[in-house]
C-alpha atoms as a PDB file:
ATOM      1  CA  UNK A   1     157.189 282.663  46.707  1.00  0.00           C
ATOM      2  CA  UNK A   2     156.800 283.691  50.204  1.00  0.00           C
ATOM      3  CA  UNK A   3     157.859 281.589  53.150  1.00  0.00           C
ATOM      4  CA  UNK A   4     155.588 281.749  56.457  1.00  0.00           C
ATOM      5  CA  UNK A   5     156.800 281.252  59.831  1.00  0.00           C
ATOM      6  CA  UNK A   6     154.761 281.784  62.868  1.00  0.00           C
ATOM      7  CA  UNK A   7     152.956 284.623  62.877  1.00  0.00           C
ATOM      8  CA  UNK A   8     154.580 285.961  60.156  1.00  0.00           C
ATOM      9  CA  UNK A   9     152.707 288.439  57.380  1.00  0.00           C
ATOM     10  CA  UNK A  10     153.458 288.541  53.838  1.00  0.00           C
ATOM     11  CA  UNK A  11     153.300 292.268  54.101  1.00  0.00           C
ATOM     12  CA  UNK A  12     152.901 294.288  51.057  1.00  0.00           C
ATOM     13  CA  UNK A  13     151.896 291.084  48.907  1.00  0.00           C
ATOM     14  CA  UNK A  14     148.264 291.864  48.080  1.00  0.00           C
ATOM     15  CA  UNK A  15     147.524 293.816  44.948  1.00  0.00           C
ATOM     16  CA  UNK A  16     144.092 295.011  43.276  1.00  0.00           C
ATOM     17  CA  UNK A  17     143.441 295.664  39.649  1.00  0.00           C
ATOM     18  CA  UNK A  18     141.871 299.179  40.569  1.00  0.00           C
ATOM     19  CA  UNK A  19     141.730 301.457  43.913  1.00  0.00           C
ATOM     20  CA  UNK A  20     138.084 302.364  43.054  1.00  0.00           C
ATOM     21  CA  UNK A  21     135.298 301.195  41.218  1.00  0.00           C
ATOM     22  CA  UNK A  22     131.736 302.295  40.282  1.00  0.00           C
ATOM     23  CA  UNK A  23     129.264 299.690  39.678  1.00  0.00           C
ATOM     24  CA  UNK A  24     126.423 299.816  37.413  1.00  0.00           C
ATOM     25  CA  UNK A  25     123.891 297.658  35.655  1.00  0.00           C
ATOM     26  CA  UNK A  26     125.678 297.484  32.424  1.00  0.00           C
ATOM     27  CA  UNK A  27     129.082 296.124  34.392  1.00  0.00           C
ATOM     28  CA  UNK A  28     126.836 293.211  36.188  1.00  0.00           C
ATOM     29  CA  UNK A  29     128.615 290.725  34.095  1.00  0.00           C
ATOM     30  CA  UNK A  30     131.900 291.951  33.819  1.00  0.00           C
ATOM     31  CA  UNK A  31     134.562 291.408  36.201  1.00  0.00           C
ATOM     32  CA  UNK A  32     134.849 294.986  38.200  1.00  0.00           C
ATOM     33  CA  UNK A  33     137.414 294.093  40.634  1.00  0.00           C
ATOM     34  CA  UNK A  34     140.727 291.608  41.077  1.00  0.00           C
ATOM     35  CA  UNK A  35     143.169 290.661  43.588  1.00  0.00           C
ATOM     36  CA  UNK A  36     146.109 289.026  43.220  1.00  0.00           C
ATOM     37  CA  UNK A  37     148.821 287.675  45.678  1.00  0.00           C
ATOM     38  CA  UNK A  38     152.125 285.560  45.778  1.00  0.00           C
ATOM     39  CA  UNK A  39     151.863 282.056  47.120  1.00  0.00           C
ATOM     40  CA  UNK A  40     152.780 281.424  50.487  1.00  0.00           C
ATOM     41  CA  UNK A  41     154.781 278.102  51.125  1.00  0.00           C
ATOM     42  CA  UNK A  42     154.625 276.218  54.564  1.00  0.00           C
ATOM     43  CA  UNK A  43     156.934 273.736  53.004  1.00  0.00           C
ATOM     44  CA  UNK A  44     156.903 271.330  50.409  1.00  0.00           C
ATOM     45  CA  UNK A  45     153.445 269.119  49.217  1.00  0.00           C
ATOM     46  CA  UNK A  46     151.515 271.219  52.052  1.00  0.00           C
ATOM     47  CA  UNK A  47     148.160 272.619  50.533  1.00  0.00           C
ATOM     48  CA  UNK A  48     147.896 276.457  51.267  1.00  0.00           C
ATOM     49  CA  UNK A  49     143.854 277.618  51.374  1.00  0.00           C
ATOM     50  CA  UNK A  50     143.439 281.697  51.083  1.00  0.00           C
ATOM     51  CA  UNK A  51     140.339 283.497  51.734  1.00  0.00           C
ATOM     52  CA  UNK A  52     139.611 287.053  51.211  1.00  0.00           C
ATOM     53  CA  UNK A  53     137.939 289.232  53.446  1.00  0.00           C
ATOM     54  CA  UNK A  54     136.256 292.376  52.996  1.00  0.00           C
ATOM     55  CA  UNK A  55     135.616 295.077  55.686  1.00  0.00           C
ATOM     56  CA  UNK A  56     134.679 298.404  56.372  1.00  0.00           C
ATOM     57  CA  UNK A  57     138.171 300.225  58.149  1.00  0.00           C
ATOM     58  CA  UNK A  58     136.315 301.517  61.248  1.00  0.00           C
ATOM     59  CA  UNK A  59     135.376 297.507  61.407  1.00  0.00           C
ATOM     60  CA  UNK A  60     139.118 296.519  61.340  1.00  0.00           C
ATOM     61  CA  UNK A  61     140.548 297.757  64.106  1.00  0.00           C
ATOM     62  CA  UNK A  62     140.727 296.596  67.966  1.00  0.00           C
ATOM     63  CA  UNK A  63     140.160 293.297  69.592  1.00  0.00           C
ATOM     64  CA  UNK A  64     137.051 292.382  67.205  1.00  0.00           C
ATOM     65  CA  UNK A  65     138.692 293.657  63.876  1.00  0.00           C
ATOM     66  CA  UNK A  66     137.701 292.343  61.297  1.00  0.00           C
ATOM     67  CA  UNK A  67     134.916 290.206  62.732  1.00  0.00           C
ATOM     68  CA  UNK A  68     132.115 291.639  60.813  1.00  0.00           C
ATOM     69  CA  UNK A  69     134.268 291.165  57.690  1.00  0.00           C
ATOM     70  CA  UNK A  70     132.631 289.205  54.562  1.00  0.00           C
ATOM     71  CA  UNK A  71     134.709 286.247  53.429  1.00  0.00           C
ATOM     72  CA  UNK A  72     135.304 284.586  50.179  1.00  0.00           C
ATOM     73  CA  UNK A  73     136.784 281.553  50.228  1.00  0.00           C
ATOM     74  CA  UNK A  74     138.818 281.338  47.257  1.00  0.00           C
ATOM     75  CA  UNK A  75     140.198 277.756  47.309  1.00  0.00           C
ATOM     76  CA  UNK A  76     143.854 275.579  48.201  1.00  0.00           C
ATOM     77  CA  UNK A  77     146.783 277.107  46.138  1.00  0.00           C
ATOM     78  CA  UNK A  78     144.643 279.787  44.268  1.00  0.00           C
ATOM     79  CA  UNK A  79     146.156 283.192  44.018  1.00  0.00           C
ATOM     80  CA  UNK A  80     143.528 285.269  42.538  1.00  0.00           C
ATOM     81  CA  UNK A  81     139.842 286.317  43.424  1.00  0.00           C
ATOM     82  CA  UNK A  82     137.736 288.752  40.847  1.00  0.00           C
ATOM     83  CA  UNK A  83     134.471 290.177  41.868  1.00  0.00           C
ATOM     84  CA  UNK A  84     131.439 290.091  38.983  1.00  0.00           C
ATOM     85  CA  UNK A  85     130.056 293.919  39.303  1.00  0.00           C
ATOM     86  CA  UNK A  86     126.371 292.315  40.264  1.00  0.00           C
ATOM     87  CA  UNK A  87     127.541 289.913  43.135  1.00  0.00           C
ATOM     88  CA  UNK A  88     129.887 293.034  44.642  1.00  0.00           C
ATOM     89  CA  UNK A  89     126.541 295.337  44.257  1.00  0.00           C
ATOM     90  CA  UNK A  90     124.840 292.465  45.420  1.00  0.00           C
ATOM     91  CA  UNK A  91     127.292 292.521  48.519  1.00  0.00           C
ATOM     92  CA  UNK A  92     127.133 296.052  49.643  1.00  0.00           C
ATOM     93  CA  UNK A  93     123.136 296.254  49.277  1.00  0.00           C
ATOM     94  CA  UNK A  94     123.100 293.225  51.523  1.00  0.00           C
ATOM     95  CA  UNK A  95     125.683 294.650  54.228  1.00  0.00           C
ATOM     96  CA  UNK A  96     123.596 297.994  53.766  1.00  0.00           C
ATOM     97  CA  UNK A  97     126.041 300.473  51.953  1.00  0.00           C
ATOM     98  CA  UNK A  98     124.087 302.550  49.236  1.00  0.00           C
ATOM     99  CA  UNK A  99     126.607 305.364  48.799  1.00  0.00           C
ATOM    100  CA  UNK A 100     130.563 305.152  47.555  1.00  0.00           C
ATOM    101  CA  UNK A 101     132.102 303.583  50.596  1.00  0.00           C
ATOM    102  CA  UNK A 102     135.953 302.845  51.617  1.00  0.00           C
ATOM    103  CA  UNK A 103     136.561 299.373  52.095  1.00  0.00           C
ATOM    104  CA  UNK A 104     139.619 297.232  53.051  1.00  0.00           C
ATOM    105  CA  UNK A 105     140.666 293.799  51.887  1.00  0.00           C
ATOM    106  CA  UNK A 106     143.238 291.565  52.953  1.00  0.00           C
ATOM    107  CA  UNK A 107     144.371 287.685  52.291  1.00  0.00           C
ATOM    108  CA  UNK A 108     144.486 285.016  54.799  1.00  0.00           C
ATOM    109  CA  UNK A 109     146.165 281.682  54.130  1.00  0.00           C
ATOM    110  CA  UNK A 110     145.678 278.447  55.939  1.00  0.00           C
ATOM    111  CA  UNK A 111     146.728 274.867  56.106  1.00  0.00           C
ATOM    112  CA  UNK A 112     144.024 272.703  56.712  1.00  0.00           C
ATOM    113  CA  UNK A 113     144.755 269.401  58.323  1.00  0.00           C
ATOM    114  CA  UNK A 114     144.185 266.051  55.969  1.00  0.00           C
ATOM    115  CA  UNK A 115     141.428 264.892  58.407  1.00  0.00           C
ATOM    116  CA  UNK A 116     139.418 268.600  58.134  1.00  0.00           C
ATOM    117  CA  UNK A 117     140.766 269.480  61.729  1.00  0.00           C
ATOM    118  CA  UNK A 118     142.084 272.967  62.943  1.00  0.00           C
ATOM    119  CA  UNK A 119     145.650 273.556  61.752  1.00  0.00           C
ATOM    120  CA  UNK A 120     148.377 273.769  64.200  1.00  0.00           C
ATOM    121  CA  UNK A 121     150.014 276.227  61.974  1.00  0.00           C
ATOM    122  CA  UNK A 122     148.723 279.970  62.561  1.00  0.00           C
ATOM    123  CA  UNK A 123     147.031 281.526  60.201  1.00  0.00           C
ATOM    124  CA  UNK A 124     149.342 284.047  57.997  1.00  0.00           C
ATOM    125  CA  UNK A 125     147.782 287.455  57.062  1.00  0.00           C
ATOM    126  CA  UNK A 126     148.715 289.661  54.035  1.00  0.00           C
ATOM    127  CA  UNK A 127     148.469 293.535  54.235  1.00  0.00           C
ATOM    128  CA  UNK A 128     145.514 295.381  53.791  1.00  0.00           C
ATOM    129  CA  UNK A 129     144.722 297.226  50.741  1.00  0.00           C
ATOM    130  CA  UNK A 130     141.769 300.039  50.348  1.00  0.00           C
ATOM    131  CA  UNK A 131     139.229 300.298  47.386  1.00  0.00           C
ATOM    132  CA  UNK A 132     136.494 302.977  47.095  1.00  0.00           C
ATOM    133  CA  UNK A 133     133.684 301.098  45.799  1.00  0.00           C
ATOM    134  CA  UNK A 134     130.456 302.884  44.582  1.00  0.00           C
ATOM    135  CA  UNK A 135     127.283 300.584  44.384  1.00  0.00           C
ATOM    136  CA  UNK A 136     124.605 301.500  42.282  1.00  0.00           C
ATOM    137  CA  UNK A 137     120.603 301.352  43.351  1.00  0.00           C
ATOM    138  CA  UNK A 138     117.856 301.239  40.747  1.00  0.00           C
ATOM    139  CA  UNK A 139     114.678 300.498  42.263  1.00  0.00           C
ATOM    140  CA  UNK A 140     112.450 297.336  44.296  1.00  0.00           C
ATOM    141  CA  UNK A 141     110.335 295.236  42.458  1.00  0.00           C
ATOM    142  CA  UNK A 142     107.418 294.149  44.157  1.00  0.00           C
ATOM    143  CA  UNK A 143     106.442 290.639  42.906  1.00  0.00           C
ATOM    144  CA  UNK A 144     103.614 288.563  45.049  1.00  0.00           C
ATOM    145  CA  UNK A 145     100.537 286.444  44.935  1.00  0.00           C
ATOM    146  CA  UNK A 146      98.511 289.108  43.475  1.00  0.00           C
ATOM    147  CA  UNK A 147     100.070 289.147  40.335  1.00  0.00           C
ATOM    148  CA  UNK A 148     101.704 285.627  39.580  1.00  0.00           C
ATOM    149  CA  UNK A 149     105.330 286.119  41.408  1.00  0.00           C
ATOM    150  CA  UNK A 150     106.397 287.344  38.374  1.00  0.00           C
ATOM    151  CA  UNK A 151     109.329 290.088  39.255  1.00  0.00           C
ATOM    152  CA  UNK A 152     109.675 291.413  35.400  1.00  0.00           C
ATOM    153  CA  UNK A 153     106.038 292.446  35.462  1.00  0.00           C
ATOM    154  CA  UNK A 154     106.022 293.644  39.071  1.00  0.00           C
ATOM    155  CA  UNK A 155     105.179 297.663  39.926  1.00  0.00           C
ATOM    156  CA  UNK A 156     108.561 298.683  41.609  1.00  0.00           C
ATOM    157  CA  UNK A 157     109.392 301.517  44.630  1.00  0.00           C
ATOM    158  CA  UNK A 158     112.183 303.823  43.602  1.00  0.00           C
ATOM    159  CA  UNK A 159     114.470 304.944  45.563  1.00  0.00           C
ATOM    160  CA  UNK A 160     113.638 308.310  47.823  1.00  0.00           C
ATOM    161  CA  UNK A 161     115.722 311.395  46.696  1.00  0.00           C
ATOM    162  CA  UNK A 162     118.383 312.090  49.249  1.00  0.00           C
ATOM    163  CA  UNK A 163     118.013 308.932  51.564  1.00  0.00           C
ATOM    164  CA  UNK A 164     120.220 306.102  50.130  1.00  0.00           C
ATOM    165  CA  UNK A 165     118.804 302.912  50.841  1.00  0.00           C
ATOM    166  CA  UNK A 166     115.547 304.019  51.521  1.00  0.00           C
ATOM    167  CA  UNK A 167     112.163 303.264  48.993  1.00  0.00           C
ATOM    168  CA  UNK A 168     108.487 303.945  49.016  1.00  0.00           C
ATOM    169  CA  UNK A 169     105.695 303.683  46.548  1.00  0.00           C
ATOM    170  CA  UNK A 170     102.122 302.654  46.167  1.00  0.00           C
ATOM    171  CA  UNK A 171     100.833 299.014  45.097  1.00  0.00           C
ATOM    172  CA  UNK A 172      97.372 297.937  44.252  1.00  0.00           C
ATOM    173  CA  UNK A 173      97.407 294.224  46.374  1.00  0.00           C
ATOM    174  CA  UNK A 174      94.265 293.150  44.747  1.00  0.00           C
ATOM    175  CA  UNK A 175      92.586 290.180  46.268  1.00  0.00           C
ATOM    176  CA  UNK A 176      90.836 289.343  49.627  1.00  0.00           C
ATOM    177  CA  UNK A 177      92.524 287.716  52.835  1.00  0.00           C
ATOM    178  CA  UNK A 178      96.270 287.188  53.430  1.00  0.00           C
ATOM    179  CA  UNK A 179      98.155 288.459  50.486  1.00  0.00           C
ATOM    180  CA  UNK A 180     101.892 287.595  50.150  1.00  0.00           C
ATOM    181  CA  UNK A 181     104.751 289.106  48.351  1.00  0.00           C
ATOM    182  CA  UNK A 182     108.472 290.107  48.353  1.00  0.00           C
ATOM    183  CA  UNK A 183     110.918 293.038  47.385  1.00  0.00           C
ATOM    184  CA  UNK A 184     113.744 292.340  44.530  1.00  0.00           C
ATOM    185  CA  UNK A 185     116.399 294.466  43.711  1.00  0.00           C
ATOM    186  CA  UNK A 186     116.159 293.230  39.863  1.00  0.00           C
ATOM    187  CA  UNK A 187     113.196 292.390  37.462  1.00  0.00           C
ATOM    188  CA  UNK A 188     114.266 288.497  38.369  1.00  0.00           C
ATOM    189  CA  UNK A 189     114.723 286.203  41.117  1.00  0.00           C
ATOM    190  CA  UNK A 190     118.485 285.785  40.435  1.00  0.00           C
ATOM    191  CA  UNK A 191     119.470 288.995  42.208  1.00  0.00           C
ATOM    192  CA  UNK A 192     118.758 290.066  46.061  1.00  0.00           C
ATOM    193  CA  UNK A 193     115.224 289.439  47.326  1.00  0.00           C
ATOM    194  CA  UNK A 194     113.989 290.440  50.350  1.00  0.00           C
ATOM    195  CA  UNK A 195     111.629 288.250  52.461  1.00  0.00           C
ATOM    196  CA  UNK A 196     110.295 288.032  56.112  1.00  0.00           C
ATOM    197  CA  UNK A 197     112.506 287.801  58.740  1.00  0.00           C
ATOM    198  CA  UNK A 198     110.266 288.241  61.775  1.00  0.00           C
ATOM    199  CA  UNK A 199     106.719 286.731  60.898  1.00  0.00           C
ATOM    200  CA  UNK A 200     105.016 290.258  61.225  1.00  0.00           C
ATOM    201  CA  UNK A 201     101.861 290.782  59.072  1.00  0.00           C
ATOM    202  CA  UNK A 202     101.881 294.540  57.444  1.00  0.00           C
ATOM    203  CA  UNK A 203     105.473 295.875  58.955  1.00  0.00           C
ATOM    204  CA  UNK A 204     108.666 294.170  60.542  1.00  0.00           C
ATOM    205  CA  UNK A 205     111.980 293.119  59.431  1.00  0.00           C
ATOM    206  CA  UNK A 206     113.624 292.316  55.892  1.00  0.00           C
ATOM    207  CA  UNK A 207     116.097 289.339  55.394  1.00  0.00           C
ATOM    208  CA  UNK A 208     118.030 288.438  52.542  1.00  0.00           C
ATOM    209  CA  UNK A 209     117.779 285.085  52.578  1.00  0.00           C
ATOM    210  CA  UNK A 210     116.587 283.787  49.499  1.00  0.00           C
ATOM    211  CA  UNK A 211     114.855 280.714  50.771  1.00  0.00           C
ATOM    212  CA  UNK A 212     112.781 283.101  53.785  1.00  0.00           C
ATOM    213  CA  UNK A 213     109.182 283.509  53.584  1.00  0.00           C
ATOM    214  CA  UNK A 214     107.431 286.581  51.972  1.00  0.00           C
ATOM    215  CA  UNK A 215     106.433 289.559  53.577  1.00  0.00           C
ATOM    216  CA  UNK A 216     102.426 289.657  53.717  1.00  0.00           C
ATOM    217  CA  UNK A 217      99.528 292.066  54.479  1.00  0.00           C
ATOM    218  CA  UNK A 218      96.272 290.822  56.141  1.00  0.00           C
ATOM    219  CA  UNK A 219      94.356 291.570  53.027  1.00  0.00           C
ATOM    220  CA  UNK A 220      93.986 293.117  49.732  1.00  0.00           C
ATOM    221  CA  UNK A 221      94.091 296.817  48.702  1.00  0.00           C
ATOM    222  CA  UNK A 222      95.729 300.012  48.071  1.00  0.00           C
ATOM    223  CA  UNK A 223      99.071 300.026  49.942  1.00  0.00           C
ATOM    224  CA  UNK A 224     101.752 302.517  50.732  1.00  0.00           C
ATOM    225  CA  UNK A 225     104.683 300.272  50.589  1.00  0.00           C
ATOM    226  CA  UNK A 226     108.300 301.110  52.025  1.00  0.00           C
ATOM    227  CA  UNK A 227     112.074 299.716  52.642  1.00  0.00           C
ATOM    228  CA  UNK A 228     114.660 301.261  54.584  1.00  0.00           C
ATOM    229  CA  UNK A 229     117.257 298.845  53.431  1.00  0.00           C
ATOM    230  CA  UNK A 230     119.786 300.866  55.917  1.00  0.00           C
ATOM    231  CA  UNK A 231     117.525 299.171  59.119  1.00  0.00           C
ATOM    232  CA  UNK A 232     116.188 296.189  56.987  1.00  0.00           C
ATOM    233  CA  UNK A 233     112.692 297.304  58.119  1.00  0.00           C
ATOM    234  CA  UNK A 234     109.420 297.612  55.917  1.00  0.00           C
ATOM    235  CA  UNK A 235     106.024 298.593  56.300  1.00  0.00           C
ATOM    236  CA  UNK A 236     102.286 298.187  54.387  1.00  0.00           C
ATOM    237  CA  UNK A 237      99.739 301.148  55.270  1.00  0.00           C
ATOM    238  CA  UNK A 238      96.286 300.294  53.799  1.00  0.00           C
ATOM    239  CA  UNK A 239      95.009 303.927  51.888  1.00  0.00           C
ATOM    240  CA  UNK A 240      91.996 305.119  50.956  1.00  0.00           C
ATOM    241  CA  UNK A 241      92.076 308.945  49.472  1.00  0.00           C
ATOM    242  CA  UNK A 242      89.794 311.974  49.573  1.00  0.00           C
ATOM    243  CA  UNK A 243      90.160 315.135  48.951  1.00  0.00           C
ATOM    244  CA  UNK A 244      89.118 318.015  52.187  1.00  0.00           C
ATOM    245  CA  UNK A 245      88.948 321.421  52.495  1.00  0.00           C
ATOM    246  CA  UNK A 246      86.449 324.645  51.930  1.00  0.00           C
ATOM    247  CA  UNK A 247      86.660 324.253  48.087  1.00  0.00           C
ATOM    248  CA  UNK A 248      85.222 321.049  48.615  1.00  0.00           C
ATOM    249  CA  UNK A 249      81.423 320.608  49.466  1.00  0.00           C
ATOM    250  CA  UNK A 250      82.309 318.828  52.954  1.00  0.00           C
ATOM    251  CA  UNK A 251      84.479 321.817  53.650  1.00  0.00           C
ATOM    252  CA  UNK A 252      87.244 320.999  56.380  1.00  0.00           C
ATOM    253  CA  UNK A 253      85.484 318.753  58.391  1.00  0.00           C
ATOM    254  CA  UNK A 254      84.073 316.138  56.099  1.00  0.00           C
ATOM    255  CA  UNK A 255      86.148 314.485  53.757  1.00  0.00           C
ATOM    256  CA  UNK A 256      84.921 313.814  50.117  1.00  0.00           C
ATOM    257  CA  UNK A 257      85.808 310.404  48.894  1.00  0.00           C
ATOM    258  CA  UNK A 258      87.905 309.413  45.569  1.00  0.00           C
ATOM    259  CA  UNK A 259      87.049 305.850  44.087  1.00  0.00           C
ATOM    260  CA  UNK A 260      90.178 304.294  42.675  1.00  0.00           C
ATOM    261  CA  UNK A 261      89.918 302.676  39.376  1.00  0.00           C
ATOM    262  CA  UNK A 262      92.444 299.786  38.749  1.00  0.00           C
ATOM    263  CA  UNK A 263      92.391 300.162  34.884  1.00  0.00           C
ATOM    264  CA  UNK A 264      93.906 303.605  35.009  1.00  0.00           C
ATOM    265  CA  UNK A 265      95.366 303.247  38.290  1.00  0.00           C
ATOM    266  CA  UNK A 266      94.561 306.707  39.749  1.00  0.00           C
ATOM    267  CA  UNK A 267      91.792 307.956  42.356  1.00  0.00           C
ATOM    268  CA  UNK A 268      89.339 310.201  40.899  1.00  0.00           C
ATOM    269  CA  UNK A 269      85.909 312.040  41.788  1.00  0.00           C
ATOM    270  CA  UNK A 270      83.542 314.166  39.910  1.00  0.00           C
ATOM    271  CA  UNK A 271      82.806 316.919  42.650  1.00  0.00           C
ATOM    272  CA  UNK A 272      81.494 320.376  42.519  1.00  0.00           C
ATOM    273  CA  UNK A 273      84.162 322.695  43.741  1.00  0.00           C
ATOM    274  CA  UNK A 274      84.626 326.412  44.399  1.00  0.00           C
ATOM    275  CA  UNK A 275      87.153 329.228  43.784  1.00  0.00           C
ATOM    276  CA  UNK A 276      87.045 330.852  47.099  1.00  0.00           C
ATOM    277  CA  UNK A 277      88.729 327.909  49.096  1.00  0.00           C
ATOM    278  CA  UNK A 278      91.383 325.529  49.019  1.00  0.00           C
ATOM    279  CA  UNK A 279      91.653 321.674  49.626  1.00  0.00           C
ATOM    280  CA  UNK A 280      94.492 318.786  49.874  1.00  0.00           C
ATOM    281  CA  UNK A 281      94.685 315.093  49.338  1.00  0.00           C
ATOM    282  CA  UNK A 282      94.956 312.855  52.298  1.00  0.00           C
ATOM    283  CA  UNK A 283      94.549 309.160  53.092  1.00  0.00           C
ATOM    284  CA  UNK A 284      92.107 307.322  55.639  1.00  0.00           C
ATOM    285  CA  UNK A 285      90.114 310.463  56.310  1.00  0.00           C
ATOM    286  CA  UNK A 286      93.133 311.464  58.606  1.00  0.00           C
ATOM    287  CA  UNK A 287      96.256 314.050  59.072  1.00  0.00           C
ATOM    288  CA  UNK A 288      98.773 311.405  59.199  1.00  0.00           C
ATOM    289  CA  UNK A 289      99.339 310.933  55.174  1.00  0.00           C
ATOM    290  CA  UNK A 290      98.371 314.019  53.215  1.00  0.00           C
ATOM    291  CA  UNK A 291      99.636 316.063  50.124  1.00  0.00           C
ATOM    292  CA  UNK A 292      99.909 319.870  49.688  1.00  0.00           C
ATOM    293  CA  UNK A 293     101.865 321.740  46.641  1.00  0.00           C
ATOM    294  CA  UNK A 294     105.233 323.071  46.676  1.00  0.00           C
ATOM    295  CA  UNK A 295     105.976 326.802  44.820  1.00  0.00           C
ATOM    296  CA  UNK A 296     106.275 324.966  41.062  1.00  0.00           C
ATOM    297  CA  UNK A 297     102.636 322.871  41.823  1.00  0.00           C
ATOM    298  CA  UNK A 298     104.507 319.544  42.638  1.00  0.00           C
ATOM    299  CA  UNK A 299     102.398 317.320  45.148  1.00  0.00           C
ATOM    300  CA  UNK A 300     104.532 316.958  48.102  1.00  0.00           C
ATOM    301  CA  UNK A 301     104.227 315.094  51.431  1.00  0.00           C
ATOM    302  CA  UNK A 302     103.139 317.789  53.907  1.00  0.00           C
ATOM    303  CA  UNK A 303     102.700 314.620  56.860  1.00  0.00           C
ATOM    304  CA  UNK A 304     103.636 311.308  56.583  1.00  0.00           C
ATOM    305  CA  UNK A 305     105.361 308.875  59.339  1.00  0.00           C
ATOM    306  CA  UNK A 306     108.003 308.243  56.765  1.00  0.00           C
ATOM    307  CA  UNK A 307     109.403 311.358  56.276  1.00  0.00           C
ATOM    308  CA  UNK A 308     110.009 314.908  57.995  1.00  0.00           C
ATOM    309  CA  UNK A 309     106.727 317.029  58.334  1.00  0.00           C
ATOM    310  CA  UNK A 310     107.227 319.809  55.771  1.00  0.00           C
ATOM    311  CA  UNK A 311     105.995 322.928  56.723  1.00  0.00           C
ATOM    312  CA  UNK A 312     106.377 324.993  53.607  1.00  0.00           C
ATOM    313  CA  UNK A 313     103.593 323.633  51.270  1.00  0.00           C
ATOM    314  CA  UNK A 314     100.573 325.377  49.963  1.00  0.00           C
ATOM    315  CA  UNK A 315      96.842 323.822  49.915  1.00  0.00           C
ATOM    316  CA  UNK A 316      95.344 323.282  46.314  1.00  0.00           C
ATOM    317  CA  UNK A 317      92.831 325.301  44.503  1.00  0.00           C
ATOM    318  CA  UNK A 318      90.700 325.934  41.221  1.00  0.00           C
ATOM    319  CA  UNK A 319      90.933 328.665  39.212  1.00  0.00           C
ATOM    320  CA  UNK A 320      86.763 329.022  39.214  1.00  0.00           C
ATOM    321  CA  UNK A 321      83.499 327.513  40.323  1.00  0.00           C
ATOM    322  CA  UNK A 322      82.131 324.358  38.718  1.00  0.00           C
ATOM    323  CA  UNK A 323      82.437 320.736  38.400  1.00  0.00           C
ATOM    324  CA  UNK A 324      85.604 319.360  38.138  1.00  0.00           C
ATOM    325  CA  UNK A 325      87.034 316.004  37.534  1.00  0.00           C
ATOM    326  CA  UNK A 326      89.735 315.532  40.358  1.00  0.00           C
ATOM    327  CA  UNK A 327      92.338 312.556  40.154  1.00  0.00           C
ATOM    328  CA  UNK A 328      95.145 311.600  42.079  1.00  0.00           C
ATOM    329  CA  UNK A 329      97.770 309.651  40.655  1.00  0.00           C
ATOM    330  CA  UNK A 330     100.128 307.866  42.788  1.00  0.00           C
ATOM    331  CA  UNK A 331     101.378 304.743  40.400  1.00  0.00           C
ATOM    332  CA  UNK A 332     104.671 305.737  39.483  1.00  0.00           C
ATOM    333  CA  UNK A 333     106.619 305.850  42.692  1.00  0.00           C
ATOM    334  CA  UNK A 334     108.471 308.751  43.764  1.00  0.00           C
ATOM    335  CA  UNK A 335     106.473 310.895  40.991  1.00  0.00           C
ATOM    336  CA  UNK A 336     102.967 311.557  42.056  1.00  0.00           C
ATOM    337  CA  UNK A 337     100.574 314.212  40.384  1.00  0.00           C
ATOM    338  CA  UNK A 338      97.046 315.276  40.285  1.00  0.00           C
ATOM    339  CA  UNK A 339      94.938 317.176  38.023  1.00  0.00           C
ATOM    340  CA  UNK A 340      91.679 319.333  38.356  1.00  0.00           C
ATOM    341  CA  UNK A 341      89.567 319.332  34.844  1.00  0.00           C
ATOM    342  CA  UNK A 342      86.591 321.595  34.874  1.00  0.00           C
ATOM    343  CA  UNK A 343      83.567 320.115  33.021  1.00  0.00           C
END
């Protein structure tokens, strides 16, 4: 037991079960990180309330140090706090931390007056303890009115490679009129669910307040959805798809429209194609969202407001003149494919 006097800290007293932890769905229910500390005494019979704080090292210096810390009230005379994997991972994502992150922890000891008023006894602080926490990110689920608000059966947005905290994908939001939905980071309502912070339709600001209203789009349709959990922003862009190019009937001036098949979740058309030419897929008859192919024949965005322009792509082509079934499949987020099958 340590005796507190004035502004004395109980230095070097906070202990951690590990100095690094890698989170994963498999350890969601496990206690992955535990802190312990000795009791602080302000005198016989005085209850001491402990609070664990977590912050990033850069936010702990200066006059406003620890002002942004996450606080966990442990309770009176309790000398231990443990994090379940799910709770620690949710906290990391809520504050926008998606890669291995150095964090610091400390414990505050306070005495509360019997009537609940502020104590005249100053707060006592432990020393800081550093821990590196590596959260996990799987994908975002998109439950909404269009599918019965069922996260377990909802389509998903996968994370964008090389951009932690950023998600993008396509969802067929069926229905007419305003359509509400949310993002969840698990196939249930028991983890983080992201709602609307600003009341905007079609894009805006996310909140992790579970009681917040849903996101919404003005009408049903086939939407490119995105979420940037670093900036807590989201977008919803309605799309229809076509092909254009001198391999197509309309050349480079007129789009040949594709039709959406909700059963197979693909865009398709039967088209008379030319071998002596090339084509591209594009959305909304405009050079805003469009696909080319890389040197391995994989679809990649050439243009998209969510991503940097990619000048290193090729146009698509067919091996011979003839009638082709052209198919564009966008239903698996971040794994977009196409086919051109000669009839």
